[in-house]
Amino acid sequence: MKHPVDVYVGKRIRHRRWMNGTTQQQLAEKVGIKFQQIQKYETGMNRVSASRLWDIGHALNVPISFFFEGLEQDDMAAHGAADLPSDILADKEALELLRSYYTMPENQRRRLFDLARVLSDAA
């Protein structure tokens, strides 16, 4: 399970990168890693170490504190209580499930949807 703080920091990295007009590849090259690692950081899939966050902040021209601005302890407690990621479409498994779901015929989708609802109510 992704930690809500990691997801938040990842979103702030992505936000700043977009605001700068920097691609994942460009940021990765500045930091000395592969762009796939930037993708994992931005989704919160991988936790950013302090030294790496320092490098990313330097590459994006922001202090490390930028990545934590707006982060409140109460907000994180609320996110932790919910078992869903705050950005469900950033989750690779959820996206794959959604794509598969919509390739199914309508009648099968309805039956699968009903089954999922029953299983979630039973949990």
C-alpha atoms as a PDB file:
ATOM      1  CA  MET A   1       0.000   0.000   0.000  1.00  0.00           C
ATOM      2  CA  LYS A   2       1.311   3.419  -0.903  1.00  0.00           C
ATOM      3  CA  HIS A   3       1.869   5.832   1.947  1.00  0.00           C
ATOM      4  CA  PRO A   4      -0.211   9.015   1.527  1.00  0.00           C
ATOM      5  CA  VAL A   5       2.816  11.262   2.109  1.00  0.00           C
ATOM      6  CA  ASP A   6       4.730   9.528  -0.691  1.00  0.00           C
ATOM      7  CA  VAL A   7       1.761  10.019  -3.015  1.00  0.00           C
ATOM      8  CA  TYR A   8       1.516  13.693  -2.019  1.00  0.00           C
ATOM      9  CA  VAL A   9       5.238  14.342  -2.558  1.00  0.00           C
ATOM     10  CA  GLY A  10       5.042  12.554  -5.915  1.00  0.00           C
ATOM     11  CA  LYS A  11       2.155  14.760  -7.014  1.00  0.00           C
ATOM     12  CA  ARG A  12       4.130  17.846  -6.017  1.00  0.00           C
ATOM     13  CA  ILE A  13       7.110  16.614  -8.068  1.00  0.00           C
ATOM     14  CA  ARG A  14       4.854  16.065 -11.096  1.00  0.00           C
ATOM     15  CA  HIS A  15       3.157  19.440 -10.599  1.00  0.00           C
ATOM     16  CA  ARG A  16       6.440  21.343 -10.458  1.00  0.00           C
ATOM     17  CA  ARG A  17       7.853  19.406 -13.409  1.00  0.00           C
ATOM     18  CA  TRP A  18       4.795  20.260 -15.495  1.00  0.00           C
ATOM     19  CA  MET A  19       4.945  23.908 -14.434  1.00  0.00           C
ATOM     20  CA  ASN A  20       8.580  24.049 -15.579  1.00  0.00           C
ATOM     21  CA  GLY A  21       7.776  22.324 -18.867  1.00  0.00           C
ATOM     22  CA  THR A  22      10.244  19.580 -17.985  1.00  0.00           C
ATOM     23  CA  THR A  23       9.697  16.028 -19.213  1.00  0.00           C
ATOM     24  CA  GLN A  24      10.265  12.991 -17.031  1.00  0.00           C
ATOM     25  CA  GLN A  25      13.255  12.138 -19.207  1.00  0.00           C
ATOM     26  CA  GLN A  26      14.797  15.587 -18.758  1.00  0.00           C
ATOM     27  CA  LEU A  27      14.320  15.498 -14.991  1.00  0.00           C
ATOM     28  CA  ALA A  28      15.757  11.995 -14.800  1.00  0.00           C
ATOM     29  CA  GLU A  29      18.851  13.065 -16.729  1.00  0.00           C
ATOM     30  CA  LYS A  30      19.391  16.069 -14.429  1.00  0.00           C
ATOM     31  CA  VAL A  31      19.119  13.833 -11.381  1.00  0.00           C
ATOM     32  CA  GLY A  32      21.111  10.934 -12.845  1.00  0.00           C
ATOM     33  CA  ILE A  33      18.430   8.236 -12.870  1.00  0.00           C
ATOM     34  CA  LYS A  34      16.116   6.583 -15.400  1.00  0.00           C
ATOM     35  CA  PHE A  35      12.792   8.205 -16.299  1.00  0.00           C
ATOM     36  CA  GLN A  36      10.937   5.109 -15.066  1.00  0.00           C
ATOM     37  CA  GLN A  37      12.110   5.956 -11.560  1.00  0.00           C
ATOM     38  CA  ILE A  38      10.639   9.450 -11.921  1.00  0.00           C
ATOM     39  CA  GLN A  39       7.342   7.808 -12.933  1.00  0.00           C
ATOM     40  CA  LYS A  40       7.421   5.676  -9.794  1.00  0.00           C
ATOM     41  CA  TYR A  41       8.169   8.689  -7.617  1.00  0.00           C
ATOM     42  CA  GLU A  42       5.346  10.707  -9.177  1.00  0.00           C
ATOM     43  CA  THR A  43       2.774   8.006  -8.489  1.00  0.00           C
ATOM     44  CA  GLY A  44       4.050   7.346  -4.975  1.00  0.00           C
ATOM     45  CA  MET A  45       4.900   3.781  -5.975  1.00  0.00           C
ATOM     46  CA  ASN A  46       8.483   4.352  -4.790  1.00  0.00           C
ATOM     47  CA  ARG A  47       9.486   6.507  -1.852  1.00  0.00           C
ATOM     48  CA  VAL A  48      11.891   9.368  -2.601  1.00  0.00           C
ATOM     49  CA  SER A  49      14.951   9.379  -0.356  1.00  0.00           C
ATOM     50  CA  ALA A  50      16.031  12.647   1.272  1.00  0.00           C
ATOM     51  CA  SER A  51      19.123  12.966  -0.917  1.00  0.00           C
ATOM     52  CA  ARG A  52      17.143  12.252  -4.079  1.00  0.00           C
ATOM     53  CA  LEU A  53      14.481  14.775  -3.077  1.00  0.00           C
ATOM     54  CA  TRP A  54      17.283  17.287  -2.570  1.00  0.00           C
ATOM     55  CA  ASP A  55      18.540  16.582  -6.125  1.00  0.00           C
ATOM     56  CA  ILE A  56      15.020  16.832  -7.580  1.00  0.00           C
ATOM     57  CA  GLY A  57      14.393  20.106  -5.772  1.00  0.00           C
ATOM     58  CA  HIS A  58      17.658  21.484  -7.135  1.00  0.00           C
ATOM     59  CA  ALA A  59      16.809  20.313 -10.679  1.00  0.00           C
ATOM     60  CA  LEU A  60      13.344  21.918 -10.457  1.00  0.00           C
ATOM     61  CA  ASN A  61      14.602  25.092  -8.733  1.00  0.00           C
ATOM     62  CA  VAL A  62      12.564  24.714  -5.552  1.00  0.00           C
ATOM     63  CA  PRO A  63      13.479  24.108  -1.905  1.00  0.00           C
ATOM     64  CA  ILE A  64      12.648  20.713  -0.441  1.00  0.00           C
ATOM     65  CA  SER A  65       9.905  22.338   1.610  1.00  0.00           C
ATOM     66  CA  PHE A  66       7.994  22.925  -1.653  1.00  0.00           C
ATOM     67  CA  PHE A  67       7.198  19.206  -1.847  1.00  0.00           C
ATOM     68  CA  PHE A  68       5.498  19.291   1.560  1.00  0.00           C
ATOM     69  CA  GLU A  69       3.597  22.577   1.258  1.00  0.00           C
ATOM     70  CA  GLY A  70      -0.094  22.123   1.954  1.00  0.00           C
ATOM     71  CA  LEU A  71       0.455  18.769   3.621  1.00  0.00           C
ATOM     72  CA  GLU A  72      -1.494  18.580   6.855  1.00  0.00           C
ATOM     73  CA  GLN A  73      -1.353  15.756   9.378  1.00  0.00           C
ATOM     74  CA  ASP A  74      -5.163  15.603   9.562  1.00  0.00           C
ATOM     75  CA  ASP A  75      -5.383  15.231   5.781  1.00  0.00           C
ATOM     76  CA  MET A  76      -2.948  12.326   5.831  1.00  0.00           C
ATOM     77  CA  ALA A  77      -4.877  10.580   8.591  1.00  0.00           C
ATOM     78  CA  ALA A  78      -8.016  10.881   6.479  1.00  0.00           C
ATOM     79  CA  HIS A  79      -6.218   9.517   3.420  1.00  0.00           C
ATOM     80  CA  GLY A  80      -4.797   6.647   5.411  1.00  0.00           C
ATOM     81  CA  ALA A  81      -8.259   5.725   6.656  1.00  0.00           C
ATOM     82  CA  ALA A  82      -9.523   5.358   3.115  1.00  0.00           C
ATOM     83  CA  ASP A  83      -8.283   2.228   1.400  1.00  0.00           C
ATOM     84  CA  LEU A  84      -8.270   3.922  -2.000  1.00  0.00           C
ATOM     85  CA  PRO A  85      -5.379   5.886  -3.458  1.00  0.00           C
ATOM     86  CA  SER A  86      -6.116   9.594  -3.708  1.00  0.00           C
ATOM     87  CA  ASP A  87      -5.498   9.407  -7.463  1.00  0.00           C
ATOM     88  CA  ILE A  88      -6.936   6.033  -8.442  1.00  0.00           C
ATOM     89  CA  LEU A  89      -6.025   6.456 -12.103  1.00  0.00           C
ATOM     90  CA  ALA A  90      -2.360   6.809 -11.190  1.00  0.00           C
ATOM     91  CA  ASP A  91      -2.484   3.221  -9.893  1.00  0.00           C
ATOM     92  CA  LYS A  92      -1.268   0.846 -12.625  1.00  0.00           C
ATOM     93  CA  GLU A  93      -3.412  -2.063 -11.455  1.00  0.00           C
ATOM     94  CA  ALA A  94      -6.564   0.071 -11.336  1.00  0.00           C
ATOM     95  CA  LEU A  95      -5.909   1.381 -14.830  1.00  0.00           C
ATOM     96  CA  GLU A  96      -5.353  -2.118 -16.195  1.00  0.00           C
ATOM     97  CA  LEU A  97      -8.554  -3.305 -14.525  1.00  0.00           C
ATOM     98  CA  LEU A  98     -10.505  -0.411 -15.990  1.00  0.00           C
ATOM     99  CA  ARG A  99      -9.182  -1.046 -19.505  1.00  0.00           C
ATOM    100  CA  SER A 100     -10.018  -4.745 -19.255  1.00  0.00           C
ATOM    101  CA  TYR A 101     -13.480  -3.974 -17.912  1.00  0.00           C
ATOM    102  CA  TYR A 102     -14.367  -1.794 -20.886  1.00  0.00           C
ATOM    103  CA  THR A 103     -13.210  -4.385 -23.428  1.00  0.00           C
ATOM    104  CA  MET A 104     -15.898  -6.763 -22.137  1.00  0.00           C
ATOM    105  CA  PRO A 105     -19.393  -6.938 -23.662  1.00  0.00           C
ATOM    106  CA  GLU A 106     -22.018  -4.873 -21.805  1.00  0.00           C
ATOM    107  CA  ASN A 107     -23.866  -7.856 -20.289  1.00  0.00           C
ATOM    108  CA  GLN A 108     -20.626  -9.311 -18.858  1.00  0.00           C
ATOM    109  CA  ARG A 109     -19.608  -5.912 -17.502  1.00  0.00           C
ATOM    110  CA  ARG A 110     -22.950  -5.602 -15.680  1.00  0.00           C
ATOM    111  CA  ARG A 111     -22.562  -9.064 -14.124  1.00  0.00           C
ATOM    112  CA  LEU A 112     -18.980  -8.341 -13.060  1.00  0.00           C
ATOM    113  CA  PHE A 113     -20.044  -4.996 -11.604  1.00  0.00           C
ATOM    114  CA  ASP A 114     -22.805  -6.681  -9.587  1.00  0.00           C
ATOM    115  CA  LEU A 115     -20.361  -9.326  -8.342  1.00  0.00           C
ATOM    116  CA  ALA A 116     -17.838  -6.670  -7.280  1.00  0.00           C
ATOM    117  CA  ARG A 117     -20.527  -4.766  -5.390  1.00  0.00           C
ATOM    118  CA  VAL A 118     -21.629  -7.922  -3.523  1.00  0.00           C
ATOM    119  CA  LEU A 119     -18.025  -8.822  -2.655  1.00  0.00           C
ATOM    120  CA  SER A 120     -17.214  -5.323  -1.407  1.00  0.00           C
ATOM    121  CA  ASP A 121     -20.350  -5.277   0.758  1.00  0.00           C
ATOM    122  CA  ALA A 122     -19.345  -8.626   2.264  1.00  0.00           C
ATOM    123  CA  ALA A 123     -15.815  -7.421   3.116  1.00  0.00           C
END
